[in-house]
PDB file of N, CA and C in Angstrom:
ATOM      1  N   MET A   1      21.546 -12.411  -3.290  1.00  0.00           N
ATOM      2  CA  MET A   1      20.828 -11.392  -2.570  1.00  0.00           C
ATOM      3  C   MET A   1      19.441 -11.927  -2.262  1.00  0.00           C
ATOM      4  N   LEU A   2      19.340 -12.692  -1.249  1.00  0.00           N
ATOM      5  CA  LEU A   2      18.074 -13.298  -0.871  1.00  0.00           C
ATOM      6  C   LEU A   2      17.390 -12.457   0.183  1.00  0.00           C
ATOM      7  N   ASN A   3      16.107 -12.339   0.081  1.00  0.00           N
ATOM      8  CA  ASN A   3      15.315 -11.589   1.039  1.00  0.00           C
ATOM      9  C   ASN A   3      14.596 -12.576   1.941  1.00  0.00           C
ATOM     10  N   GLY A   4      15.136 -12.794   3.120  1.00  0.00           N
ATOM     11  CA  GLY A   4      14.517 -13.714   4.055  1.00  0.00           C
ATOM     12  C   GLY A   4      13.445 -13.033   4.878  1.00  0.00           C
ATOM     13  N   ALA A   5      12.729 -13.824   5.630  1.00  0.00           N
ATOM     14  CA  ALA A   5      11.693 -13.284   6.493  1.00  0.00           C
ATOM     15  C   ALA A   5      12.317 -12.369   7.544  1.00  0.00           C
ATOM     16  N   GLY A   6      11.721 -11.239   7.750  1.00  0.00           N
ATOM     17  CA  GLY A   6      12.196 -10.308   8.761  1.00  0.00           C
ATOM     18  C   GLY A   6      13.285  -9.362   8.291  1.00  0.00           C
ATOM     19  N   VAL A   7      13.692  -9.445   7.034  1.00  0.00           N
ATOM     20  CA  VAL A   7      14.713  -8.535   6.509  1.00  0.00           C
ATOM     21  C   VAL A   7      14.030  -7.246   6.079  1.00  0.00           C
ATOM     22  N   ARG A   8      14.559  -6.125   6.542  1.00  0.00           N
ATOM     23  CA  ARG A   8      14.003  -4.820   6.208  1.00  0.00           C
ATOM     24  C   ARG A   8      14.940  -4.088   5.257  1.00  0.00           C
ATOM     25  N   ALA A   9      14.397  -3.152   4.511  1.00  0.00           N
ATOM     26  CA  ALA A   9      15.195  -2.284   3.643  1.00  0.00           C
ATOM     27  C   ALA A   9      15.075  -0.858   4.176  1.00  0.00           C
ATOM     28  N   TYR A  10      16.205  -0.253   4.484  1.00  0.00           N
ATOM     29  CA  TYR A  10      16.254   1.122   4.958  1.00  0.00           C
ATOM     30  C   TYR A  10      16.794   1.983   3.825  1.00  0.00           C
ATOM     31  N   VAL A  11      16.082   3.044   3.471  1.00  0.00           N
ATOM     32  CA  VAL A  11      16.493   3.928   2.376  1.00  0.00           C
ATOM     33  C   VAL A  11      16.958   5.247   2.963  1.00  0.00           C
ATOM     34  N   CYS A  12      18.158   5.657   2.590  1.00  0.00           N
ATOM     35  CA  CYS A  12      18.723   6.926   3.047  1.00  0.00           C
ATOM     36  C   CYS A  12      18.028   8.064   2.312  1.00  0.00           C
ATOM     37  N   ALA A  13      17.469   9.024   3.042  1.00  0.00           N
ATOM     38  CA  ALA A  13      16.729  10.133   2.442  1.00  0.00           C
ATOM     39  C   ALA A  13      17.656  11.142   1.768  1.00  0.00           C
ATOM     40  N   GLU A  14      18.879  11.248   2.234  1.00  0.00           N
ATOM     41  CA  GLU A  14      19.829  12.205   1.664  1.00  0.00           C
ATOM     42  C   GLU A  14      20.711  11.518   0.631  1.00  0.00           C
ATOM     43  N   ALA A  15      21.162  12.294  -0.345  1.00  0.00           N
ATOM     44  CA  ALA A  15      22.060  11.763  -1.375  1.00  0.00           C
ATOM     45  C   ALA A  15      23.401  11.384  -0.755  1.00  0.00           C
ATOM     46  N   VAL A  16      24.009  10.349  -1.310  1.00  0.00           N
ATOM     47  CA  VAL A  16      25.293   9.851  -0.817  1.00  0.00           C
ATOM     48  C   VAL A  16      26.296   9.864  -1.966  1.00  0.00           C
ATOM     49  N   ASP A  17      27.527  10.161  -1.646  1.00  0.00           N
ATOM     50  CA  ASP A  17      28.607  10.141  -2.626  1.00  0.00           C
ATOM     51  C   ASP A  17      28.805   8.704  -3.107  1.00  0.00           C
ATOM     52  N   MET A  18      28.573   8.460  -4.366  1.00  0.00           N
ATOM     53  CA  MET A  18      28.650   7.104  -4.916  1.00  0.00           C
ATOM     54  C   MET A  18      30.088   6.594  -5.040  1.00  0.00           C
ATOM     55  N   ARG A  19      31.075   7.420  -4.704  1.00  0.00           N
ATOM     56  CA  ARG A  19      32.458   6.937  -4.679  1.00  0.00           C
ATOM     57  C   ARG A  19      32.738   6.117  -3.420  1.00  0.00           C
ATOM     58  N   LYS A  20      31.830   6.173  -2.456  1.00  0.00           N
ATOM     59  CA  LYS A  20      32.017   5.396  -1.221  1.00  0.00           C
ATOM     60  C   LYS A  20      31.880   3.905  -1.518  1.00  0.00           C
ATOM     61  N   SER A  21      32.737   3.142  -0.881  1.00  0.00           N
ATOM     62  CA  SER A  21      32.699   1.691  -1.041  1.00  0.00           C
ATOM     63  C   SER A  21      32.088   1.065   0.207  1.00  0.00           C
ATOM     64  N   ILE A  22      32.318  -0.202   0.380  1.00  0.00           N
ATOM     65  CA  ILE A  22      31.739  -0.931   1.513  1.00  0.00           C
ATOM     66  C   ILE A  22      32.115  -0.285   2.847  1.00  0.00           C
ATOM     67  N   ASP A  23      33.375   0.027   3.028  1.00  0.00           N
ATOM     68  CA  ASP A  23      33.806   0.603   4.305  1.00  0.00           C
ATOM     69  C   ASP A  23      33.143   1.953   4.575  1.00  0.00           C
ATOM     70  N   GLY A  24      33.122   2.811   3.571  1.00  0.00           N
ATOM     71  CA  GLY A  24      32.522   4.131   3.742  1.00  0.00           C
ATOM     72  C   GLY A  24      31.035   4.077   4.012  1.00  0.00           C
ATOM     73  N   LEU A  25      30.342   3.204   3.318  1.00  0.00           N
ATOM     74  CA  LEU A  25      28.897   3.094   3.519  1.00  0.00           C
ATOM     75  C   LEU A  25      28.556   2.429   4.854  1.00  0.00           C
ATOM     76  N   SER A  26      29.347   1.444   5.255  1.00  0.00           N
ATOM     77  CA  SER A  26      29.055   0.770   6.527  1.00  0.00           C
ATOM     78  C   SER A  26      29.225   1.719   7.712  1.00  0.00           C
ATOM     79  N   VAL A  27      30.135   2.676   7.581  1.00  0.00           N
ATOM     80  CA  VAL A  27      30.308   3.676   8.644  1.00  0.00           C
ATOM     81  C   VAL A  27      29.090   4.590   8.728  1.00  0.00           C
ATOM     82  N   LEU A  28      28.395   4.814   7.623  1.00  0.00           N
ATOM     83  CA  LEU A  28      27.207   5.676   7.608  1.00  0.00           C
ATOM     84  C   LEU A  28      25.967   5.014   8.202  1.00  0.00           C
ATOM     85  N   VAL A  29      25.938   3.715   8.260  1.00  0.00           N
ATOM     86  CA  VAL A  29      24.722   3.002   8.687  1.00  0.00           C
ATOM     87  C   VAL A  29      24.298   3.402  10.095  1.00  0.00           C
ATOM     88  N   GLU A  30      25.223   3.433  11.034  1.00  0.00           N
ATOM     89  CA  GLU A  30      24.851   3.728  12.422  1.00  0.00           C
ATOM     90  C   GLU A  30      24.298   5.143  12.600  1.00  0.00           C
ATOM     91  N   PRO A  31      24.984   6.193  12.135  1.00  0.00           N
ATOM     92  CA  PRO A  31      24.432   7.536  12.360  1.00  0.00           C
ATOM     93  C   PRO A  31      23.193   7.850  11.512  1.00  0.00           C
ATOM     94  N   VAL A  32      23.097   7.310  10.310  1.00  0.00           N
ATOM     95  CA  VAL A  32      21.975   7.627   9.419  1.00  0.00           C
ATOM     96  C   VAL A  32      20.727   6.820   9.770  1.00  0.00           C
ATOM     97  N   PHE A  33      20.887   5.534  10.008  1.00  0.00           N
ATOM     98  CA  PHE A  33      19.740   4.649  10.228  1.00  0.00           C
ATOM     99  C   PHE A  33      19.554   4.238  11.687  1.00  0.00           C
ATOM    100  N   ALA A  34      20.497   4.550  12.540  1.00  0.00           N
ATOM    101  CA  ALA A  34      20.474   4.107  13.935  1.00  0.00           C
ATOM    102  C   ALA A  34      20.317   2.590  13.998  1.00  0.00           C
ATOM    103  N   ALA A  35      21.103   1.909  13.174  1.00  0.00           N
ATOM    104  CA  ALA A  35      21.026   0.448  13.093  1.00  0.00           C
ATOM    105  C   ALA A  35      22.430  -0.140  13.084  1.00  0.00           C
ATOM    106  N   ASP A  36      22.508  -1.406  13.380  1.00  0.00           N
ATOM    107  CA  ASP A  36      23.768  -2.140  13.356  1.00  0.00           C
ATOM    108  C   ASP A  36      24.015  -2.625  11.928  1.00  0.00           C
ATOM    109  N   PRO A  37      25.161  -2.283  11.324  1.00  0.00           N
ATOM    110  CA  PRO A  37      25.404  -2.712   9.945  1.00  0.00           C
ATOM    111  C   PRO A  37      25.511  -4.228   9.779  1.00  0.00           C
ATOM    112  N   PHE A  38      25.708  -4.948  10.863  1.00  0.00           N
ATOM    113  CA  PHE A  38      25.849  -6.403  10.818  1.00  0.00           C
ATOM    114  C   PHE A  38      24.524  -7.147  11.035  1.00  0.00           C
ATOM    115  N   CYS A  39      23.402  -6.433  11.038  1.00  0.00           N
ATOM    116  CA  CYS A  39      22.110  -7.047  11.372  1.00  0.00           C
ATOM    117  C   CYS A  39      21.490  -7.844  10.219  1.00  0.00           C
ATOM    118  N   GLY A  40      21.971  -7.672   8.996  1.00  0.00           N
ATOM    119  CA  GLY A  40      21.425  -8.420   7.872  1.00  0.00           C
ATOM    120  C   GLY A  40      20.368  -7.682   7.077  1.00  0.00           C
ATOM    121  N   HIS A  41      19.963  -6.502   7.531  1.00  0.00           N
ATOM    122  CA  HIS A  41      18.993  -5.704   6.779  1.00  0.00           C
ATOM    123  C   HIS A  41      19.686  -5.044   5.598  1.00  0.00           C
ATOM    124  N   TRP A  42      18.894  -4.576   4.639  1.00  0.00           N
ATOM    125  CA  TRP A  42      19.429  -3.896   3.465  1.00  0.00           C
ATOM    126  C   TRP A  42      19.465  -2.402   3.728  1.00  0.00           C
ATOM    127  N   PHE A  43      20.567  -1.761   3.380  1.00  0.00           N
ATOM    128  CA  PHE A  43      20.723  -0.326   3.529  1.00  0.00           C
ATOM    129  C   PHE A  43      20.911   0.258   2.134  1.00  0.00           C
ATOM    130  N   VAL A  44      19.942   1.075   1.714  1.00  0.00           N
ATOM    131  CA  VAL A  44      19.879   1.580   0.348  1.00  0.00           C
ATOM    132  C   VAL A  44      20.357   3.023   0.320  1.00  0.00           C
ATOM    133  N   PHE A  45      21.300   3.297  -0.568  1.00  0.00           N
ATOM    134  CA  PHE A  45      21.864   4.632  -0.732  1.00  0.00           C
ATOM    135  C   PHE A  45      21.688   5.059  -2.184  1.00  0.00           C
ATOM    136  N   LEU A  46      21.256   6.310  -2.391  1.00  0.00           N
ATOM    137  CA  LEU A  46      21.010   6.833  -3.729  1.00  0.00           C
ATOM    138  C   LEU A  46      21.929   8.013  -4.015  1.00  0.00           C
ATOM    139  N   SER A  47      22.238   8.210  -5.291  1.00  0.00           N
ATOM    140  CA  SER A  47      23.060   9.347  -5.702  1.00  0.00           C
ATOM    141  C   SER A  47      22.212  10.620  -5.721  1.00  0.00           C
ATOM    142  N   LYS A  48      22.884  11.743  -5.907  1.00  0.00           N
ATOM    143  CA  LYS A  48      22.198  13.030  -5.903  1.00  0.00           C
ATOM    144  C   LYS A  48      21.141  13.116  -7.002  1.00  0.00           C
ATOM    145  N   LYS A  49      21.453  12.604  -8.180  1.00  0.00           N
ATOM    146  CA  LYS A  49      20.499  12.628  -9.300  1.00  0.00           C
ATOM    147  C   LYS A  49      19.499  11.478  -9.238  1.00  0.00           C
ATOM    148  N   ARG A  50      19.659  10.592  -8.281  1.00  0.00           N
ATOM    149  CA  ARG A  50      18.808   9.410  -8.127  1.00  0.00           C
ATOM    150  C   ARG A  50      18.928   8.462  -9.319  1.00  0.00           C
ATOM    151  N   ASP A  51      20.076   8.483  -9.998  1.00  0.00           N
ATOM    152  CA  ASP A  51      20.279   7.593 -11.135  1.00  0.00           C
ATOM    153  C   ASP A  51      21.212   6.429 -10.809  1.00  0.00           C
ATOM    154  N   LYS A  52      21.705   6.397  -9.570  1.00  0.00           N
ATOM    155  CA  LYS A  52      22.560   5.298  -9.119  1.00  0.00           C
ATOM    156  C   LYS A  52      22.083   4.857  -7.745  1.00  0.00           C
ATOM    157  N   VAL A  53      22.149   3.562  -7.510  1.00  0.00           N
ATOM    158  CA  VAL A  53      21.733   3.024  -6.222  1.00  0.00           C
ATOM    159  C   VAL A  53      22.756   1.987  -5.764  1.00  0.00           C
ATOM    160  N   LYS A  54      23.045   2.008  -4.465  1.00  0.00           N
ATOM    161  CA  LYS A  54      23.892   0.998  -3.852  1.00  0.00           C
ATOM    162  C   LYS A  54      23.133   0.411  -2.676  1.00  0.00           C
ATOM    163  N   ILE A  55      23.179  -0.906  -2.592  1.00  0.00           N
ATOM    164  CA  ILE A  55      22.548  -1.603  -1.465  1.00  0.00           C
ATOM    165  C   ILE A  55      23.639  -2.361  -0.729  1.00  0.00           C
ATOM    166  N   LEU A  56      23.777  -2.061   0.535  1.00  0.00           N
ATOM    167  CA  LEU A  56      24.773  -2.700   1.390  1.00  0.00           C
ATOM    168  C   LEU A  56      24.055  -3.631   2.347  1.00  0.00           C
ATOM    169  N   TYR A  57      24.578  -4.823   2.493  1.00  0.00           N
ATOM    170  CA  TYR A  57      24.001  -5.749   3.472  1.00  0.00           C
ATOM    171  C   TYR A  57      25.066  -6.729   3.929  1.00  0.00           C
ATOM    172  N   TRP A  58      24.831  -7.307   5.077  1.00  0.00           N
ATOM    173  CA  TRP A  58      25.723  -8.299   5.673  1.00  0.00           C
ATOM    174  C   TRP A  58      25.140  -9.667   5.396  1.00  0.00           C
ATOM    175  N   ASP A  59      25.891 -10.485   4.670  1.00  0.00           N
ATOM    176  CA  ASP A  59      25.448 -11.874   4.559  1.00  0.00           C
ATOM    177  C   ASP A  59      26.243 -12.656   5.601  1.00  0.00           C
ATOM    178  N   ARG A  60      26.158 -13.915   5.632  1.00  0.00           N
ATOM    179  CA  ARG A  60      26.749 -14.684   6.734  1.00  0.00           C
ATOM    180  C   ARG A  60      28.260 -14.558   6.867  1.00  0.00           C
ATOM    181  N   HIS A  61      28.937 -14.171   5.797  1.00  0.00           N
ATOM    182  CA  HIS A  61      30.401 -14.203   5.821  1.00  0.00           C
ATOM    183  C   HIS A  61      31.063 -12.858   5.583  1.00  0.00           C
ATOM    184  N   GLY A  62      30.301 -11.820   5.352  1.00  0.00           N
ATOM    185  CA  GLY A  62      30.888 -10.508   5.114  1.00  0.00           C
ATOM    186  C   GLY A  62      29.881  -9.575   4.458  1.00  0.00           C
ATOM    187  N   PHE A  63      30.318  -8.336   4.233  1.00  0.00           N
ATOM    188  CA  PHE A  63      29.460  -7.370   3.584  1.00  0.00           C
ATOM    189  C   PHE A  63      29.360  -7.662   2.094  1.00  0.00           C
ATOM    190  N   ALA A  64      28.209  -7.368   1.546  1.00  0.00           N
ATOM    191  CA  ALA A  64      27.995  -7.451   0.107  1.00  0.00           C
ATOM    192  C   ALA A  64      27.467  -6.094  -0.341  1.00  0.00           C
ATOM    193  N   LEU A  65      27.883  -5.681  -1.518  1.00  0.00           N
ATOM    194  CA  LEU A  65      27.457  -4.394  -2.055  1.00  0.00           C
ATOM    195  C   LEU A  65      26.886  -4.617  -3.447  1.00  0.00           C
ATOM    196  N   TRP A  66      25.660  -4.186  -3.640  1.00  0.00           N
ATOM    197  CA  TRP A  66      24.981  -4.288  -4.913  1.00  0.00           C
ATOM    198  C   TRP A  66      24.898  -2.886  -5.477  1.00  0.00           C
ATOM    199  N   TYR A  67      25.321  -2.682  -6.718  1.00  0.00           N
ATOM    200  CA  TYR A  67      25.368  -1.360  -7.335  1.00  0.00           C
ATOM    201  C   TYR A  67      24.654  -1.401  -8.675  1.00  0.00           C
ATOM    202  N   LYS A  68      23.819  -0.395  -8.932  1.00  0.00           N
ATOM    203  CA  LYS A  68      23.115  -0.354 -10.198  1.00  0.00           C
ATOM    204  C   LYS A  68      23.030   1.095 -10.679  1.00  0.00           C
ATOM    205  N   ARG A  69      23.334   1.286 -11.958  1.00  0.00           N
ATOM    206  CA  ARG A  69      23.155   2.597 -12.581  1.00  0.00           C
ATOM    207  C   ARG A  69      21.839   2.528 -13.340  1.00  0.00           C
ATOM    208  N   LEU A  70      20.918   3.408 -13.007  1.00  0.00           N
ATOM    209  CA  LEU A  70      19.576   3.373 -13.599  1.00  0.00           C
ATOM    210  C   LEU A  70      19.493   4.219 -14.857  1.00  0.00           C
TER     211      LEU A  70
END
């Protein structure tokens, strides 16, 4: 998970169902952030209690999903 120059992090203001996987979260990127999920930026999704976070991003060969329970 490297942060290169020009990479932005977009944080979703609304809670997201943490049962969503890569496919479910990538579908949310366009309507929520008005961005292309393949652009390489980080898309941050938080649970309702804000105790879980998922970061979705496109690396050169496919989507990667980083998940952390806080």
